[in-house]
Amino acid sequence: MSGGGQHYYFGSGDHVTLHGGSGNVGIDKRVTPAPEPAPAVQEALRELLALVQELRGQVPQAGADALDDSLPALRAEANVPEQERHRALYAVAGIAATFGALGVPIVEAVNKVLGLLGAQ
């Protein structure tokens, strides 16, 4: 450390170096809400959720539980980061693919949403 600055490590990954001054109060960690998806994306997500609910009733409990884990991030009104939504989409597509013909409409719906999000 040079220049007499004080260095702080908060254990969560934040590193702060102060070089003089007074009245230093902390780190500003503003969280910006995710932008609302376009209407076409919202409609595609609603269609996907309807298909997932239909599949959910036809698969073993373990498959239904795995689908349930992804559902919150797939709701059109969910305020989730884009990365979390993508993860949920890929998870649902992977799960649906294991059920063969039963899962094909879901994989197609996931691909539609990903295309609308610009991820394909």
Protein backbone atom coordinates (compact mmCIF):
# COMPACT_ATOMS: atom_id res chain seq x y z
CA MET A 1 0.00 0.00 0.00
CA SER A 2 1.38 3.36 -0.93
CA GLY A 3 0.46 6.93 -0.28
CA GLY A 4 -0.90 6.27 3.21
CA GLY A 5 -4.23 4.92 1.95
CA GLN A 6 -6.21 2.50 4.04
CA HIS A 7 -7.24 -0.80 2.49
CA TYR A 8 -10.32 -2.75 3.59
CA TYR A 9 -11.45 -6.20 2.57
CA PHE A 10 -15.01 -7.13 3.49
CA GLY A 11 -14.84 -10.87 2.79
CA SER A 12 -17.61 -10.79 0.19
CA GLY A 13 -15.31 -9.85 -2.63
CA ASP A 14 -15.38 -6.09 -2.07
CA HIS A 15 -12.05 -4.32 -1.84
CA VAL A 16 -11.93 -0.67 -0.86
CA THR A 17 -8.93 1.62 -0.74
CA LEU A 18 -9.34 5.07 0.80
CA HIS A 19 -6.80 7.79 0.08
CA GLY A 20 -7.59 10.50 2.57
CA GLY A 21 -10.82 12.41 2.70
CA SER A 22 -13.44 12.58 5.39
CA GLY A 23 -17.03 11.55 5.76
CA ASN A 24 -16.54 8.34 3.82
CA VAL A 25 -19.71 6.36 4.48
CA GLY A 26 -19.48 3.14 2.48
CA ILE A 27 -20.09 1.45 -0.80
CA ASP A 28 -23.08 2.34 -2.96
CA LYS A 29 -24.47 -0.96 -4.26
CA ARG A 30 -27.52 0.05 -6.21
CA VAL A 31 -29.48 -2.78 -7.67
CA THR A 32 -31.17 -1.94 -10.92
CA PRO A 33 -34.30 -3.91 -11.73
CA ALA A 34 -34.22 -6.03 -14.87
CA PRO A 35 -35.97 -4.39 -17.81
CA GLU A 36 -39.47 -5.63 -18.54
CA PRO A 37 -39.49 -8.13 -21.41
CA ALA A 38 -41.00 -7.07 -24.73
CA PRO A 39 -44.68 -8.02 -25.25
CA ALA A 40 -43.72 -10.78 -27.71
CA VAL A 41 -41.36 -12.30 -25.12
CA GLN A 42 -44.04 -12.08 -22.42
CA GLU A 43 -46.54 -13.90 -24.64
CA ALA A 44 -43.98 -16.57 -25.56
CA LEU A 45 -43.20 -17.08 -21.86
CA ARG A 46 -46.90 -17.49 -21.07
CA GLU A 47 -47.22 -20.10 -23.83
CA LEU A 48 -44.15 -21.89 -22.49
CA LEU A 49 -45.50 -21.92 -18.94
CA ALA A 50 -48.78 -23.45 -20.13
CA LEU A 51 -46.84 -26.22 -21.88
CA VAL A 52 -44.62 -26.80 -18.85
CA GLN A 53 -47.68 -27.09 -16.59
CA GLU A 54 -49.15 -29.66 -18.97
CA LEU A 55 -45.91 -31.68 -19.06
CA ARG A 56 -45.54 -31.41 -15.30
CA GLY A 57 -48.67 -33.45 -14.76
CA GLN A 58 -47.38 -36.25 -16.99
CA VAL A 59 -43.89 -36.81 -15.61
CA PRO A 60 -42.59 -38.52 -12.46
CA GLN A 61 -42.39 -36.42 -9.29
CA ALA A 62 -38.62 -35.90 -9.66
CA GLY A 63 -39.17 -34.39 -13.13
CA ALA A 64 -42.01 -32.21 -11.85
CA ASP A 65 -39.83 -30.97 -8.99
CA ALA A 66 -37.01 -30.13 -11.40
CA LEU A 67 -39.43 -28.15 -13.59
CA ASP A 68 -40.80 -26.35 -10.52
CA ASP A 69 -37.32 -25.08 -9.69
CA SER A 70 -37.22 -23.12 -12.95
CA LEU A 71 -40.78 -21.79 -13.04
CA PRO A 72 -40.30 -18.57 -11.04
CA ALA A 73 -37.72 -17.22 -13.51
CA LEU A 74 -39.96 -18.04 -16.48
CA ARG A 75 -42.97 -16.01 -15.44
CA ALA A 76 -43.49 -13.06 -17.77
CA GLU A 77 -43.94 -10.71 -14.83
CA ALA A 78 -40.86 -11.98 -12.98
CA ASN A 79 -38.24 -9.32 -12.36
CA VAL A 80 -35.18 -11.53 -12.81
CA PRO A 81 -31.79 -10.89 -14.38
CA GLU A 82 -31.51 -12.04 -17.98
CA GLN A 83 -28.84 -14.59 -17.06
CA GLU A 84 -31.15 -16.25 -14.52
CA ARG A 85 -33.96 -16.43 -17.09
CA HIS A 86 -31.61 -18.00 -19.64
CA ARG A 87 -30.47 -20.59 -17.10
CA ALA A 88 -34.08 -21.51 -16.36
CA LEU A 89 -34.88 -21.77 -20.08
CA TYR A 90 -31.94 -24.09 -20.72
CA ALA A 91 -32.83 -26.19 -17.67
CA VAL A 92 -36.45 -26.61 -18.79
CA ALA A 93 -35.36 -27.50 -22.33
CA GLY A 94 -32.95 -30.10 -20.98
CA ILE A 95 -35.56 -31.64 -18.73
CA ALA A 96 -38.19 -31.65 -21.48
CA ALA A 97 -35.77 -33.27 -23.92
CA THR A 98 -35.44 -36.28 -21.62
CA PHE A 99 -39.13 -37.04 -22.09
CA GLY A 100 -38.88 -37.52 -25.86
CA ALA A 101 -41.90 -36.59 -27.96
CA LEU A 102 -43.71 -35.37 -24.86
CA GLY A 103 -41.10 -32.64 -24.40
CA VAL A 104 -40.71 -31.53 -28.04
CA PRO A 105 -43.28 -28.69 -27.84
CA ILE A 106 -41.49 -27.31 -24.78
CA VAL A 107 -38.07 -27.41 -26.45
CA GLU A 108 -39.58 -25.57 -29.44
CA ALA A 109 -41.19 -22.99 -27.13
CA VAL A 110 -37.89 -22.47 -25.28
CA ASN A 111 -36.11 -21.95 -28.61
CA LYS A 112 -38.76 -19.38 -29.57
CA VAL A 113 -38.22 -17.43 -26.33
CA LEU A 114 -34.43 -17.62 -26.68
CA GLY A 115 -34.73 -16.35 -30.26
CA LEU A 116 -36.88 -13.43 -29.12
CA LEU A 117 -34.32 -12.64 -26.42
CA GLY A 118 -31.55 -12.68 -29.01
CA ALA A 119 -29.79 -15.66 -27.44
CA GLN A 120 -29.83 -17.81 -30.58
